[in-house]
Protein backbone atom coordinates (compact mmCIF):
# COMPACT_ATOMS: atom_id res chain seq x y z
CA MET A 1 0.00 0.00 0.00
CA ARG A 2 2.85 2.40 0.82
CA LYS A 3 4.43 1.96 -2.61
CA ARG A 4 1.11 2.64 -4.30
CA SER A 5 0.62 5.78 -2.18
CA ILE A 6 4.06 7.10 -3.08
CA ILE A 7 3.45 6.53 -6.78
CA LEU A 8 0.06 8.23 -6.57
CA ILE A 9 1.45 11.22 -4.68
CA ALA A 10 4.40 11.53 -7.04
CA THR A 11 2.13 11.39 -10.07
CA VAL A 12 -0.28 13.96 -8.68
CA LEU A 13 2.58 16.21 -7.61
CA SER A 14 4.22 15.95 -11.02
CA VAL A 15 0.97 16.70 -12.84
CA GLY A 16 0.30 19.62 -10.52
CA ILE A 17 3.73 21.14 -10.99
CA ILE A 18 3.68 20.69 -14.76
CA GLY A 19 0.14 22.08 -15.02
CA GLY A 20 1.06 24.99 -12.82
CA ALA A 21 4.12 25.68 -14.93
CA ALA A 22 2.05 25.93 -18.09
CA ALA A 23 -0.51 28.23 -16.47
CA TYR A 24 2.15 30.44 -14.93
CA TYR A 25 3.91 30.75 -18.27
CA ARG A 26 0.77 31.76 -20.13
CA HIS A 27 -0.24 34.24 -17.48
CA HIS A 28 3.07 35.93 -16.67
CA HIS A 29 5.42 35.51 -19.59
CA GLY A 30 3.48 34.90 -22.77
CA PRO A 31 4.95 33.57 -25.99
CA GLY A 32 8.62 33.99 -26.67
CA HIS A 33 9.87 34.08 -23.10
CA ASP A 34 12.79 31.67 -22.80
CA ASN A 35 13.46 31.36 -19.08
CA TYR A 36 9.98 30.91 -17.70
CA ALA A 37 10.69 27.39 -16.40
CA SER A 38 13.43 28.52 -14.04
CA HIS A 39 11.36 31.48 -12.86
CA PHE A 40 8.37 29.24 -12.33
CA THR A 41 10.47 26.68 -10.47
CA LYS A 42 11.75 29.33 -8.07
CA HIS A 43 8.20 30.62 -7.61
CA ILE A 44 6.84 27.13 -6.82
CA GLU A 45 9.70 26.38 -4.44
CA ARG A 46 9.10 29.65 -2.55
CA LYS A 47 5.35 29.06 -2.45
CA LEU A 48 5.61 25.47 -1.22
CA THR A 49 8.34 26.34 1.26
CA LYS A 50 6.16 29.05 2.76
CA LYS A 51 2.80 27.24 2.71
CA LEU A 52 4.17 23.89 3.94
CA THR A 53 6.76 25.42 6.31
CA LEU A 54 9.54 23.21 4.95
CA ASN A 55 12.77 22.54 6.85
CA GLU A 56 16.16 22.47 5.13
CA THR A 57 16.05 18.74 4.33
CA GLN A 58 12.59 19.12 2.81
CA LYS A 59 13.74 22.16 0.81
CA ALA A 60 16.60 20.10 -0.60
CA GLY A 61 14.19 17.32 -1.58
CA LEU A 62 11.90 19.84 -3.27
CA GLY A 63 14.90 21.28 -5.11
CA GLN A 64 15.83 17.83 -6.40
CA LEU A 65 12.26 17.23 -7.54
CA THR A 66 11.95 20.50 -9.41
CA GLN A 67 15.39 20.02 -10.99
CA SER A 68 14.37 16.54 -12.14
CA LEU A 69 11.16 17.92 -13.64
CA MET A 70 13.04 20.73 -15.41
CA THR A 71 15.57 18.29 -16.87
CA SER A 72 12.80 16.02 -18.13
CA ARG A 73 10.85 18.96 -19.51
CA LYS A 74 13.88 20.16 -21.47
CA SER A 75 14.39 16.70 -22.98
CA PHE A 76 10.70 16.42 -23.87
CA LYS A 77 10.70 19.85 -25.48
CA GLU A 78 13.75 19.06 -27.61
CA GLN A 79 12.22 15.74 -28.70
CA ARG A 80 8.85 17.39 -29.44
CA ILE A 81 10.43 19.58 -32.15
CA PHE A 82 11.87 16.49 -33.85
CA ASP A 83 8.59 14.58 -33.44
CA LEU A 84 6.59 17.41 -35.01
CA ASN A 85 8.81 17.36 -38.09
CA GLU A 86 8.30 13.60 -38.35
CA ILE A 87 4.54 13.95 -37.94
CA PHE A 88 4.43 16.62 -40.64
CA SER A 89 6.33 14.35 -43.01
CA LEU A 90 3.84 11.56 -42.27
CA LEU A 91 0.94 13.89 -43.03
CA GLU A 92 2.45 14.97 -46.35
CA ALA A 93 2.35 11.39 -47.67
CA ASP A 94 -0.64 10.07 -49.57
CA GLN A 95 -1.13 7.35 -46.97
CA LEU A 96 -0.21 7.38 -43.31
CA ASP A 97 2.79 5.15 -42.65
CA GLN A 98 1.32 3.33 -39.66
CA GLU A 99 4.54 1.56 -38.77
CA LYS A 100 6.49 4.82 -38.66
CA ALA A 101 3.73 6.48 -36.60
CA LEU A 102 3.74 3.57 -34.17
CA ASN A 103 7.53 3.81 -33.86
CA LEU A 104 7.21 7.52 -33.02
CA VAL A 105 4.78 6.67 -30.23
CA ARG A 106 7.05 3.91 -28.94
CA GLU A 107 10.06 6.25 -28.94
CA ARG A 108 8.10 8.84 -26.99
CA LEU A 109 6.98 6.25 -24.45
CA ALA A 110 10.55 5.01 -24.08
CA MET A 111 11.71 8.57 -23.43
CA ILE A 112 9.05 9.03 -20.76
CA GLY A 113 10.07 5.70 -19.24
CA SER A 114 13.71 6.73 -19.13
CA HIS A 115 12.83 9.80 -17.06
CA ALA A 116 10.13 8.16 -14.92
CA GLU A 117 12.46 6.46 -12.45
CA GLN A 118 14.35 9.67 -11.68
CA MET A 119 11.16 11.72 -11.38
CA ILE A 120 9.46 9.18 -9.09
CA SER A 121 12.60 8.85 -6.99
CA SER A 122 12.82 12.64 -6.61
CA ALA A 123 9.10 12.88 -5.79
CA ALA A 124 9.44 10.11 -3.22
CA GLY A 125 12.45 11.82 -1.64
CA PHE A 126 10.44 14.97 -1.18
CA THR A 127 7.09 13.50 -0.13
CA ASP A 128 8.65 10.94 2.23
CA SER A 129 10.21 13.78 4.21
CA LEU A 130 6.86 15.52 4.74
CA THR A 131 4.85 15.21 7.94
CA GLY A 132 1.24 14.03 7.82
CA GLU A 133 0.03 17.60 8.20
CA GLN A 134 2.27 18.80 5.36
CA ARG A 135 1.05 15.99 3.11
CA ALA A 136 -2.55 16.91 3.81
CA LYS A 137 -1.83 20.56 3.00
CA LEU A 138 -0.02 19.57 -0.22
CA LYS A 139 -2.93 17.36 -1.24
CA GLU A 140 -5.33 20.24 -0.59
CA MET A 141 -3.19 22.61 -2.68
CA ILE A 142 -3.08 20.16 -5.58
CA GLU A 143 -6.83 19.55 -5.38
CA GLN A 144 -7.49 23.30 -5.45
CA ARG A 145 -5.20 23.73 -8.42
CA MET A 146 -6.76 20.86 -10.33
CA SER A 147 -10.31 22.08 -9.64
CA LYS A 148 -9.36 25.49 -11.05
CA ARG A 149 -8.03 23.79 -14.18
CA ARG A 150 -11.25 21.79 -14.61
CA HIS A 151 -13.32 24.95 -14.15
CA HIS A 152 -11.21 26.82 -16.70
CA ARG A 153 -11.45 23.98 -19.23
CA ASN A 154 -15.21 23.71 -18.81
CA GLN A 155 -15.57 27.41 -19.71
CA GLU A 156 -13.73 27.05 -23.02
């Protein structure tokens, strides 16, 4: 049960941080801003440190988690540019090359898998250091964030 809880918390935390990063970027920096990820990371770290009253060990764990997410994000972004070019070439053909499309999906899944262990390990390092009260507060923050996203999406 503990392993399942850690995976669930890490997944929710990762989704929350990534979703928050996208929203923060759109709201504060707009298109063309190159360093929004590092600004957002610092913002999230300050916000979580303050709201969860993190100690130094917990701050270090949060720093490792955000660094892991930034590293993965950079790799995904670089690969996305290549994948888009491949997708465009597939669309230009008279018939969709299903094998090539399937290989693109498999490559993307392999890339996600290669980063998953590090991201989960970083998330576990951070969440394992939290007290029960801090975990409850983090869960509440993520739930609030996700409900705002659902509300925003339903309005579109």
